[in-house]
Amino acid sequence: MVDHHGRFAWYELITTDMAAAKVFYAGVLGWGAQDSSTPELAYAVFTAGKTSVSGLMDLPEHARKLGATPRWMGYVGVNDVDASVDRIKHLGGAVYVPPTNTNIGRISVVADPQTATLALVMGLIPGDQQPVELGKPGRVGWHELLAANWQKAFAFYSELFGWQQADTGVDTADSYRLFSTGGRTIGDMCNKPPDEPVPFWVYYFNVDDIDAAAQRVKAGGGQILAGPIELRGGGSWIVRCRDPQGAPFALQGKRTRDGISWSAEWDGISSQGKLVTTPRLRR
């Protein structure tokens, strides 16, 4: 049995149009979709080949009335959901959905003390191979928390899940923190931009060709918010995106096209061109 404790084990898109989301992500990431609905819940499982990689469900009507918007949510595996929920309350977090038995295992939807939402899962039913396949196309390969205060956020998650500072040999004390679990670096935490209203998690999906994937995002009705941007060390690029229903997500991959280009889009204004020099992000 794979030990999921402290590792992202599952991902779920909560959206306002399940049918449209299936078409969009099939076009961008090549995913298939299998119906896994129950009498109480319309639910689908996205697949990469034969592997279950994430779930898909409607944004509940009561949540829409409270102002909730489409989003990707990550599930962190824990050995005991109920005990973890009690720990979150003790550490100043919130519980939005109390421990509940569902079609994917025993889960709880929670928020850290800075209101970034995520979920806990125990006894995961689909996606058992996900934590050991983070480098494959179509999987989530990176997890980024845009926090109000990343230092306090790291202290919270370290206490809750046992996450550790990743040793990269680079001094990042003032800007961000790479974190690891089970000996593997899986993400980073940094302060959110001032124009982002609330802290949130961003999940980066692996693609073979970042430029081709960005074009598929636009062709499918999504938005490119930033990128392609080269990561520190070269050889890997990212784009930050929004799907047609408004859920933020990101892509990461190699660049195979000659002639580096850039593009960005915000508030209905788009811009693109050629780069002479290339900014590089951390990691």
C-alpha atoms as a PDB file:
ATOM      1  CA  MET A   1       0.000   0.000   0.000  1.00  0.00           C
ATOM      2  CA  VAL A   2       1.335   3.444  -0.916  1.00  0.00           C
ATOM      3  CA  ASP A   3       1.754   5.776   2.049  1.00  0.00           C
ATOM      4  CA  HIS A   4      -0.021   8.996   1.088  1.00  0.00           C
ATOM      5  CA  HIS A   5       0.390  10.809   4.410  1.00  0.00           C
ATOM      6  CA  GLY A   6       1.497  14.369   3.774  1.00  0.00           C
ATOM      7  CA  ARG A   7       1.490  13.934  -0.018  1.00  0.00           C
ATOM      8  CA  PHE A   8      -0.890  15.368  -2.569  1.00  0.00           C
ATOM      9  CA  ALA A   9      -2.806  12.260  -3.573  1.00  0.00           C
ATOM     10  CA  TRP A  10      -5.759  13.530  -5.619  1.00  0.00           C
ATOM     11  CA  TYR A  11      -7.023  16.624  -7.439  1.00  0.00           C
ATOM     12  CA  GLU A  12     -10.532  17.765  -8.214  1.00  0.00           C
ATOM     13  CA  LEU A  13     -11.975  20.372 -10.537  1.00  0.00           C
ATOM     14  CA  ILE A  14     -15.105  21.967  -9.122  1.00  0.00           C
ATOM     15  CA  THR A  15     -16.813  23.800 -11.949  1.00  0.00           C
ATOM     16  CA  THR A  16     -20.030  25.285 -13.277  1.00  0.00           C
ATOM     17  CA  ASP A  17     -20.109  23.237 -16.514  1.00  0.00           C
ATOM     18  CA  MET A  18     -18.894  19.646 -16.312  1.00  0.00           C
ATOM     19  CA  ALA A  19     -19.557  18.889 -19.984  1.00  0.00           C
ATOM     20  CA  ALA A  20     -17.573  21.892 -21.197  1.00  0.00           C
ATOM     21  CA  ALA A  21     -14.719  21.118 -18.767  1.00  0.00           C
ATOM     22  CA  LYS A  22     -14.407  17.581 -20.164  1.00  0.00           C
ATOM     23  CA  VAL A  23     -14.023  18.966 -23.681  1.00  0.00           C
ATOM     24  CA  PHE A  24     -11.535  21.670 -22.646  1.00  0.00           C
ATOM     25  CA  TYR A  25      -9.163  19.459 -20.676  1.00  0.00           C
ATOM     26  CA  ALA A  26      -9.351  16.693 -23.245  1.00  0.00           C
ATOM     27  CA  GLY A  27      -8.135  19.240 -25.791  1.00  0.00           C
ATOM     28  CA  VAL A  28      -5.412  20.753 -23.594  1.00  0.00           C
ATOM     29  CA  LEU A  29      -4.066  17.705 -21.755  1.00  0.00           C
ATOM     30  CA  GLY A  30      -5.419  14.781 -23.767  1.00  0.00           C
ATOM     31  CA  TRP A  31      -7.456  13.483 -20.842  1.00  0.00           C
ATOM     32  CA  GLY A  32     -10.290  11.031 -21.097  1.00  0.00           C
ATOM     33  CA  ALA A  33     -13.252  11.096 -18.708  1.00  0.00           C
ATOM     34  CA  GLN A  34     -15.109   8.254 -17.036  1.00  0.00           C
ATOM     35  CA  ASP A  35     -18.478   8.687 -15.374  1.00  0.00           C
ATOM     36  CA  SER A  36     -18.345   7.808 -11.684  1.00  0.00           C
ATOM     37  CA  SER A  37     -21.627   9.354 -10.593  1.00  0.00           C
ATOM     38  CA  THR A  38     -23.702   8.162  -7.686  1.00  0.00           C
ATOM     39  CA  PRO A  39     -27.435   8.788  -7.145  1.00  0.00           C
ATOM     40  CA  GLU A  40     -26.459  11.694  -4.887  1.00  0.00           C
ATOM     41  CA  LEU A  41     -23.601  13.214  -6.902  1.00  0.00           C
ATOM     42  CA  ALA A  42     -22.682  13.787 -10.542  1.00  0.00           C
ATOM     43  CA  TYR A  43     -18.988  12.927 -10.728  1.00  0.00           C
ATOM     44  CA  ALA A  44     -16.423  12.090 -13.402  1.00  0.00           C
ATOM     45  CA  VAL A  45     -12.816  10.914 -13.267  1.00  0.00           C
ATOM     46  CA  PHE A  46     -10.259  12.371 -15.659  1.00  0.00           C
ATOM     47  CA  THR A  47      -7.796   9.800 -16.995  1.00  0.00           C
ATOM     48  CA  ALA A  48      -4.358  10.011 -18.592  1.00  0.00           C
ATOM     49  CA  GLY A  49      -4.170   6.789 -20.562  1.00  0.00           C
ATOM     50  CA  LYS A  50      -5.497   4.177 -18.152  1.00  0.00           C
ATOM     51  CA  THR A  51      -4.511   6.092 -15.020  1.00  0.00           C
ATOM     52  CA  SER A  52      -7.030   8.087 -12.979  1.00  0.00           C
ATOM     53  CA  VAL A  53      -5.509  11.515 -12.372  1.00  0.00           C
ATOM     54  CA  SER A  54      -8.254  13.811 -11.051  1.00  0.00           C
ATOM     55  CA  GLY A  55     -11.947  14.231 -10.420  1.00  0.00           C
ATOM     56  CA  LEU A  56     -14.639  16.524 -11.772  1.00  0.00           C
ATOM     57  CA  MET A  57     -17.818  17.729 -10.098  1.00  0.00           C
ATOM     58  CA  ASP A  58     -20.340  20.562 -10.164  1.00  0.00           C
ATOM     59  CA  LEU A  59     -19.919  23.586  -7.948  1.00  0.00           C
ATOM     60  CA  PRO A  60     -22.808  23.172  -5.488  1.00  0.00           C
ATOM     61  CA  GLU A  61     -25.599  25.695  -5.800  1.00  0.00           C
ATOM     62  CA  HIS A  62     -25.351  26.794  -2.179  1.00  0.00           C
ATOM     63  CA  ALA A  63     -21.635  27.477  -2.680  1.00  0.00           C
ATOM     64  CA  ARG A  64     -22.374  29.578  -5.781  1.00  0.00           C
ATOM     65  CA  LYS A  65     -24.821  31.675  -3.763  1.00  0.00           C
ATOM     66  CA  LEU A  66     -22.075  32.289  -1.207  1.00  0.00           C
ATOM     67  CA  GLY A  67     -19.778  33.557  -3.963  1.00  0.00           C
ATOM     68  CA  ALA A  68     -17.655  30.454  -4.591  1.00  0.00           C
ATOM     69  CA  THR A  69     -16.124  30.219  -8.061  1.00  0.00           C
ATOM     70  CA  PRO A  70     -14.705  27.334 -10.131  1.00  0.00           C
ATOM     71  CA  ARG A  71     -11.393  26.049  -8.835  1.00  0.00           C
ATOM     72  CA  TRP A  72      -8.950  23.184  -8.707  1.00  0.00           C
ATOM     73  CA  MET A  73      -8.619  21.601  -5.259  1.00  0.00           C
ATOM     74  CA  GLY A  74      -5.800  19.351  -4.106  1.00  0.00           C
ATOM     75  CA  TYR A  75      -6.295  16.490  -1.656  1.00  0.00           C
ATOM     76  CA  VAL A  76      -3.499  15.705   0.784  1.00  0.00           C
ATOM     77  CA  GLY A  77      -3.420  12.151   2.068  1.00  0.00           C
ATOM     78  CA  VAL A  78      -3.516  11.692   5.837  1.00  0.00           C
ATOM     79  CA  ASN A  79      -3.551   8.668   8.114  1.00  0.00           C
ATOM     80  CA  ASP A  80      -6.520   9.966  10.124  1.00  0.00           C
ATOM     81  CA  VAL A  81      -8.849  12.628   8.699  1.00  0.00           C
ATOM     82  CA  ASP A  82     -10.652  13.268  11.969  1.00  0.00           C
ATOM     83  CA  ALA A  83      -7.444  13.777  13.931  1.00  0.00           C
ATOM     84  CA  SER A  84      -6.046  16.030  11.193  1.00  0.00           C
ATOM     85  CA  VAL A  85      -9.204  18.167  11.245  1.00  0.00           C
ATOM     86  CA  ASP A  86      -8.862  18.603  15.000  1.00  0.00           C
ATOM     87  CA  ARG A  87      -5.240  19.617  14.474  1.00  0.00           C
ATOM     88  CA  ILE A  88      -6.218  22.175  11.827  1.00  0.00           C
ATOM     89  CA  LYS A  89      -8.712  23.776  14.207  1.00  0.00           C
ATOM     90  CA  HIS A  90      -6.055  23.901  16.923  1.00  0.00           C
ATOM     91  CA  LEU A  91      -3.600  25.576  14.528  1.00  0.00           C
ATOM     92  CA  GLY A  92      -6.097  28.267  13.515  1.00  0.00           C
ATOM     93  CA  GLY A  93      -7.477  26.825  10.276  1.00  0.00           C
ATOM     94  CA  ALA A  94     -11.109  26.302   9.305  1.00  0.00           C
ATOM     95  CA  VAL A  95     -13.238  23.310   8.354  1.00  0.00           C
ATOM     96  CA  TYR A  96     -15.677  23.795   5.476  1.00  0.00           C
ATOM     97  CA  VAL A  97     -16.765  20.172   5.065  1.00  0.00           C
ATOM     98  CA  PRO A  98     -16.395  17.981   8.159  1.00  0.00           C
ATOM     99  CA  PRO A  99     -15.002  14.447   7.834  1.00  0.00           C
ATOM    100  CA  THR A 100     -17.310  12.589   5.462  1.00  0.00           C
ATOM    101  CA  ASN A 101     -17.278   9.227   3.692  1.00  0.00           C
ATOM    102  CA  THR A 102     -17.465   9.788  -0.095  1.00  0.00           C
ATOM    103  CA  ASN A 103     -16.954   8.004  -3.399  1.00  0.00           C
ATOM    104  CA  ILE A 104     -13.188   8.680  -3.234  1.00  0.00           C
ATOM    105  CA  GLY A 105     -12.598   7.928   0.459  1.00  0.00           C
ATOM    106  CA  ARG A 106     -13.048   9.718   3.763  1.00  0.00           C
ATOM    107  CA  ILE A 107     -12.493  13.407   3.094  1.00  0.00           C
ATOM    108  CA  SER A 108     -12.689  16.856   4.639  1.00  0.00           C
ATOM    109  CA  VAL A 109     -12.471  20.255   2.962  1.00  0.00           C
ATOM    110  CA  VAL A 110     -10.468  22.704   5.031  1.00  0.00           C
ATOM    111  CA  ALA A 111      -8.639  26.023   4.884  1.00  0.00           C
ATOM    112  CA  ASP A 112      -5.353  27.134   6.350  1.00  0.00           C
ATOM    113  CA  PRO A 113      -5.277  30.151   8.727  1.00  0.00           C
ATOM    114  CA  GLN A 114      -4.855  32.454   5.688  1.00  0.00           C
ATOM    115  CA  THR A 115      -7.998  30.944   4.029  1.00  0.00           C
ATOM    116  CA  ALA A 116      -6.297  28.949   1.236  1.00  0.00           C
ATOM    117  CA  THR A 117      -8.538  25.938   0.602  1.00  0.00           C
ATOM    118  CA  LEU A 118      -7.484  22.324   0.252  1.00  0.00           C
ATOM    119  CA  ALA A 119      -8.830  18.913   1.189  1.00  0.00           C
ATOM    120  CA  LEU A 120      -7.776  15.888   3.190  1.00  0.00           C
ATOM    121  CA  VAL A 121      -8.334  12.283   2.143  1.00  0.00           C
ATOM    122  CA  MET A 122      -7.929   8.917   3.832  1.00  0.00           C
ATOM    123  CA  GLY A 123      -8.418   5.556   2.128  1.00  0.00           C
ATOM    124  CA  LEU A 124      -8.155   7.042  -1.365  1.00  0.00           C
ATOM    125  CA  ILE A 125     -10.044   4.951  -3.928  1.00  0.00           C
ATOM    126  CA  PRO A 126      -8.893   6.379  -7.314  1.00  0.00           C
ATOM    127  CA  GLY A 127      -5.480   7.765  -8.206  1.00  0.00           C
ATOM    128  CA  ASP A 128      -3.362   5.364  -6.119  1.00  0.00           C
ATOM    129  CA  GLN A 129      -0.305   5.862  -8.359  1.00  0.00           C
ATOM    130  CA  GLN A 130      -0.497   9.657  -8.495  1.00  0.00           C
ATOM    131  CA  PRO A 131       2.163  10.537  -5.889  1.00  0.00           C
ATOM    132  CA  VAL A 132       4.914   8.537  -7.633  1.00  0.00           C
ATOM    133  CA  GLU A 133       4.162   9.754 -11.175  1.00  0.00           C
ATOM    134  CA  LEU A 134       4.527  13.501 -10.782  1.00  0.00           C
ATOM    135  CA  GLY A 135       6.860  13.793 -13.771  1.00  0.00           C
ATOM    136  CA  LYS A 136       4.577  12.198 -16.359  1.00  0.00           C
ATOM    137  CA  PRO A 137       2.543  14.177 -18.916  1.00  0.00           C
ATOM    138  CA  GLY A 138      -0.962  15.007 -17.784  1.00  0.00           C
ATOM    139  CA  ARG A 139      -0.123  14.745 -14.073  1.00  0.00           C
ATOM    140  CA  VAL A 140       0.337  17.521 -11.569  1.00  0.00           C
ATOM    141  CA  GLY A 141       4.080  18.044 -11.313  1.00  0.00           C
ATOM    142  CA  TRP A 142       4.234  21.064  -8.985  1.00  0.00           C
ATOM    143  CA  HIS A 143       2.178  22.655  -6.210  1.00  0.00           C
ATOM    144  CA  GLU A 144       2.387  26.363  -5.448  1.00  0.00           C
ATOM    145  CA  LEU A 145       0.795  28.207  -2.549  1.00  0.00           C
ATOM    146  CA  LEU A 146       0.224  31.933  -3.077  1.00  0.00           C
ATOM    147  CA  ALA A 147      -0.041  32.988   0.550  1.00  0.00           C
ATOM    148  CA  ALA A 148      -0.632  36.179   2.466  1.00  0.00           C
ATOM    149  CA  ASN A 149       2.498  35.382   4.477  1.00  0.00           C
ATOM    150  CA  TRP A 150       4.449  32.373   3.225  1.00  0.00           C
ATOM    151  CA  GLN A 151       6.607  32.067   6.353  1.00  0.00           C
ATOM    152  CA  LYS A 152       3.540  31.610   8.560  1.00  0.00           C
ATOM    153  CA  ALA A 153       1.969  29.323   5.976  1.00  0.00           C
ATOM    154  CA  PHE A 154       5.031  27.095   5.898  1.00  0.00           C
ATOM    155  CA  ALA A 155       5.023  26.841   9.692  1.00  0.00           C
ATOM    156  CA  PHE A 156       1.362  25.737   9.585  1.00  0.00           C
ATOM    157  CA  TYR A 157       1.818  23.059   6.919  1.00  0.00           C
ATOM    158  CA  SER A 158       5.050  21.826   8.441  1.00  0.00           C
ATOM    159  CA  GLU A 159       3.278  21.301  11.741  1.00  0.00           C
ATOM    160  CA  LEU A 160       0.244  19.696  10.076  1.00  0.00           C
ATOM    161  CA  PHE A 161       1.804  17.428   7.440  1.00  0.00           C
ATOM    162  CA  GLY A 162       5.478  17.283   8.388  1.00  0.00           C
ATOM    163  CA  TRP A 163       6.541  19.121   5.233  1.00  0.00           C
ATOM    164  CA  GLN A 164      10.170  20.156   5.228  1.00  0.00           C
ATOM    165  CA  GLN A 165      12.246  22.887   3.660  1.00  0.00           C
ATOM    166  CA  ALA A 166      13.828  21.537   0.495  1.00  0.00           C
ATOM    167  CA  ASP A 167      17.599  21.841   0.369  1.00  0.00           C
ATOM    168  CA  THR A 168      18.398  23.535  -2.937  1.00  0.00           C
ATOM    169  CA  GLY A 169      21.636  25.288  -2.083  1.00  0.00           C
ATOM    170  CA  VAL A 170      19.991  28.620  -2.921  1.00  0.00           C
ATOM    171  CA  ASP A 171      19.140  31.220  -0.282  1.00  0.00           C
ATOM    172  CA  THR A 172      15.402  31.877  -0.641  1.00  0.00           C
ATOM    173  CA  ALA A 173      14.734  33.141   2.889  1.00  0.00           C
ATOM    174  CA  ASP A 174      13.180  36.435   1.871  1.00  0.00           C
ATOM    175  CA  SER A 175      11.085  35.465  -1.147  1.00  0.00           C
ATOM    176  CA  TYR A 176       9.774  31.913  -1.138  1.00  0.00           C
ATOM    177  CA  ARG A 177      10.225  28.428   0.265  1.00  0.00           C
ATOM    178  CA  LEU A 178      10.550  25.142  -1.605  1.00  0.00           C
ATOM    179  CA  PHE A 179       9.030  22.294   0.388  1.00  0.00           C
ATOM    180  CA  SER A 180       9.395  18.537   0.306  1.00  0.00           C
ATOM    181  CA  THR A 181       7.712  15.422   1.637  1.00  0.00           C
ATOM    182  CA  GLY A 182       9.020  11.894   1.665  1.00  0.00           C
ATOM    183  CA  GLY A 183      12.358  13.155   0.367  1.00  0.00           C
ATOM    184  CA  ARG A 184      10.857  14.682  -2.778  1.00  0.00           C
ATOM    185  CA  THR A 185      10.543  18.403  -3.521  1.00  0.00           C
ATOM    186  CA  ILE A 186       6.943  18.917  -4.631  1.00  0.00           C
ATOM    187  CA  GLY A 187       6.219  22.643  -4.501  1.00  0.00           C
ATOM    188  CA  ASP A 188       6.846  26.128  -3.233  1.00  0.00           C
ATOM    189  CA  MET A 189       5.223  28.812  -1.137  1.00  0.00           C
ATOM    190  CA  CYS A 190       5.455  32.536  -1.834  1.00  0.00           C
ATOM    191  CA  ASN A 191       3.456  35.679  -1.125  1.00  0.00           C
ATOM    192  CA  LYS A 192       0.566  36.304  -3.498  1.00  0.00           C
ATOM    193  CA  PRO A 193       0.567  39.361  -5.764  1.00  0.00           C
ATOM    194  CA  PRO A 194      -1.262  42.368  -4.243  1.00  0.00           C
ATOM    195  CA  ASP A 195      -4.012  42.183  -6.872  1.00  0.00           C
ATOM    196  CA  GLU A 196      -4.977  38.629  -5.882  1.00  0.00           C
ATOM    197  CA  PRO A 197      -7.841  38.979  -3.390  1.00  0.00           C
ATOM    198  CA  VAL A 198      -7.247  35.785  -1.383  1.00  0.00           C
ATOM    199  CA  PRO A 199      -4.520  33.159  -0.929  1.00  0.00           C
ATOM    200  CA  PHE A 200      -4.893  29.988  -3.016  1.00  0.00           C
ATOM    201  CA  TRP A 201      -3.125  26.901  -4.311  1.00  0.00           C
ATOM    202  CA  VAL A 202      -2.068  26.583  -7.967  1.00  0.00           C
ATOM    203  CA  TYR A 203      -1.444  23.193  -9.574  1.00  0.00           C
ATOM    204  CA  TYR A 204       0.967  22.790 -12.504  1.00  0.00           C
ATOM    205  CA  PHE A 205       0.157  20.105 -15.079  1.00  0.00           C
ATOM    206  CA  ASN A 206       2.989  18.549 -17.087  1.00  0.00           C
ATOM    207  CA  VAL A 207       2.953  18.930 -20.872  1.00  0.00           C
ATOM    208  CA  ASP A 208       5.448  17.886 -23.554  1.00  0.00           C
ATOM    209  CA  ASP A 209       5.508  21.229 -25.411  1.00  0.00           C
ATOM    210  CA  ILE A 210       4.619  24.407 -23.515  1.00  0.00           C
ATOM    211  CA  ASP A 211       3.929  26.513 -26.614  1.00  0.00           C
ATOM    212  CA  ALA A 212       1.650  23.937 -28.213  1.00  0.00           C
ATOM    213  CA  ALA A 213      -0.208  23.479 -24.919  1.00  0.00           C
ATOM    214  CA  ALA A 214      -0.671  27.251 -24.521  1.00  0.00           C
ATOM    215  CA  GLN A 215      -2.160  27.407 -27.999  1.00  0.00           C
ATOM    216  CA  ARG A 216      -4.571  24.610 -27.068  1.00  0.00           C
ATOM    217  CA  VAL A 217      -5.649  26.571 -24.005  1.00  0.00           C
ATOM    218  CA  LYS A 218      -6.536  29.587 -26.156  1.00  0.00           C
ATOM    219  CA  ALA A 219      -8.154  27.467 -28.865  1.00  0.00           C
ATOM    220  CA  GLY A 220     -10.365  25.855 -26.220  1.00  0.00           C
ATOM    221  CA  GLY A 221     -11.602  29.189 -24.880  1.00  0.00           C
ATOM    222  CA  GLY A 222      -9.226  29.498 -21.925  1.00  0.00           C
ATOM    223  CA  GLN A 223      -6.908  32.392 -21.086  1.00  0.00           C
ATOM    224  CA  ILE A 224      -3.140  32.649 -20.798  1.00  0.00           C
ATOM    225  CA  LEU A 225      -2.526  34.912 -17.817  1.00  0.00           C
ATOM    226  CA  ALA A 226       1.276  34.852 -17.979  1.00  0.00           C
ATOM    227  CA  GLY A 227       4.021  33.114 -19.908  1.00  0.00           C
ATOM    228  CA  PRO A 228       5.678  31.166 -21.274  1.00  0.00           C
ATOM    229  CA  ILE A 229       8.266  31.984 -18.597  1.00  0.00           C
ATOM    230  CA  GLU A 230      11.549  30.122 -18.197  1.00  0.00           C
ATOM    231  CA  LEU A 231      12.338  28.621 -14.809  1.00  0.00           C
ATOM    232  CA  ARG A 232      15.694  29.059 -13.123  1.00  0.00           C
ATOM    233  CA  GLY A 233      18.206  26.591 -14.508  1.00  0.00           C
ATOM    234  CA  GLY A 234      16.683  26.664 -17.998  1.00  0.00           C
ATOM    235  CA  GLY A 235      15.046  23.899 -19.945  1.00  0.00           C
ATOM    236  CA  SER A 236      11.616  24.127 -18.320  1.00  0.00           C
ATOM    237  CA  TRP A 237       8.879  26.691 -18.930  1.00  0.00           C
ATOM    238  CA  ILE A 238       5.544  27.547 -17.379  1.00  0.00           C
ATOM    239  CA  VAL A 239       2.333  29.291 -18.338  1.00  0.00           C
ATOM    240  CA  ARG A 240      -0.366  30.368 -15.913  1.00  0.00           C
ATOM    241  CA  CYS A 241      -3.891  29.942 -17.216  1.00  0.00           C
ATOM    242  CA  ARG A 242      -7.606  30.148 -16.546  1.00  0.00           C
ATOM    243  CA  ASP A 243     -10.067  27.666 -18.003  1.00  0.00           C
ATOM    244  CA  PRO A 244     -13.303  28.818 -19.733  1.00  0.00           C
ATOM    245  CA  GLN A 245     -15.295  28.560 -16.489  1.00  0.00           C
ATOM    246  CA  GLY A 246     -12.708  30.613 -14.577  1.00  0.00           C
ATOM    247  CA  ALA A 247     -10.668  28.000 -12.672  1.00  0.00           C
ATOM    248  CA  PRO A 248      -6.967  28.972 -12.400  1.00  0.00           C
ATOM    249  CA  PHE A 249      -4.355  26.358 -13.281  1.00  0.00           C
ATOM    250  CA  ALA A 250      -0.857  26.223 -14.745  1.00  0.00           C
ATOM    251  CA  LEU A 251       1.205  24.192 -17.201  1.00  0.00           C
ATOM    252  CA  GLN A 252       4.886  23.297 -17.169  1.00  0.00           C
ATOM    253  CA  GLY A 253       7.032  21.667 -19.828  1.00  0.00           C
ATOM    254  CA  LYS A 254       9.851  21.909 -22.336  1.00  0.00           C
ATOM    255  CA  ARG A 255      10.047  24.312 -25.245  1.00  0.00           C
ATOM    256  CA  THR A 256      10.632  22.813 -28.671  1.00  0.00           C
ATOM    257  CA  ARG A 257       9.849  25.793 -30.907  1.00  0.00           C
ATOM    258  CA  ASP A 258      12.667  27.908 -32.366  1.00  0.00           C
ATOM    259  CA  GLY A 259      12.369  31.615 -31.651  1.00  0.00           C
ATOM    260  CA  ILE A 260      11.241  32.378 -28.131  1.00  0.00           C
ATOM    261  CA  SER A 261       7.955  34.186 -27.856  1.00  0.00           C
ATOM    262  CA  TRP A 262       5.866  35.474 -25.025  1.00  0.00           C
ATOM    263  CA  SER A 263       2.243  36.219 -24.408  1.00  0.00           C
ATOM    264  CA  ALA A 264       0.071  37.480 -21.601  1.00  0.00           C
ATOM    265  CA  GLU A 265      -3.573  38.293 -21.108  1.00  0.00           C
ATOM    266  CA  TRP A 266      -5.456  40.110 -18.368  1.00  0.00           C
ATOM    267  CA  ASP A 267      -8.732  42.001 -18.067  1.00  0.00           C
ATOM    268  CA  GLY A 268      -9.511  41.328 -21.722  1.00  0.00           C
ATOM    269  CA  ILE A 269      -6.230  42.833 -22.955  1.00  0.00           C
ATOM    270  CA  SER A 270      -3.736  40.550 -24.683  1.00  0.00           C
ATOM    271  CA  SER A 271      -0.112  41.115 -25.608  1.00  0.00           C
ATOM    272  CA  GLN A 272       2.491  38.988 -27.368  1.00  0.00           C
ATOM    273  CA  GLY A 273       5.857  39.230 -29.087  1.00  0.00           C
ATOM    274  CA  LYS A 274       9.489  38.048 -29.160  1.00  0.00           C
ATOM    275  CA  LEU A 275      11.875  37.967 -26.225  1.00  0.00           C
ATOM    276  CA  VAL A 276      15.432  39.184 -26.528  1.00  0.00           C
ATOM    277  CA  THR A 277      16.278  38.400 -22.923  1.00  0.00           C
ATOM    278  CA  THR A 278      14.298  35.945 -20.830  1.00  0.00           C
ATOM    279  CA  PRO A 279      13.284  36.387 -17.187  1.00  0.00           C
ATOM    280  CA  ARG A 280      13.714  33.239 -15.166  1.00  0.00           C
ATOM    281  CA  LEU A 281      11.617  32.186 -12.243  1.00  0.00           C
ATOM    282  CA  ARG A 282      12.893  30.398  -9.139  1.00  0.00           C
ATOM    283  CA  ARG A 283      12.829  26.669  -8.277  1.00  0.00           C
END
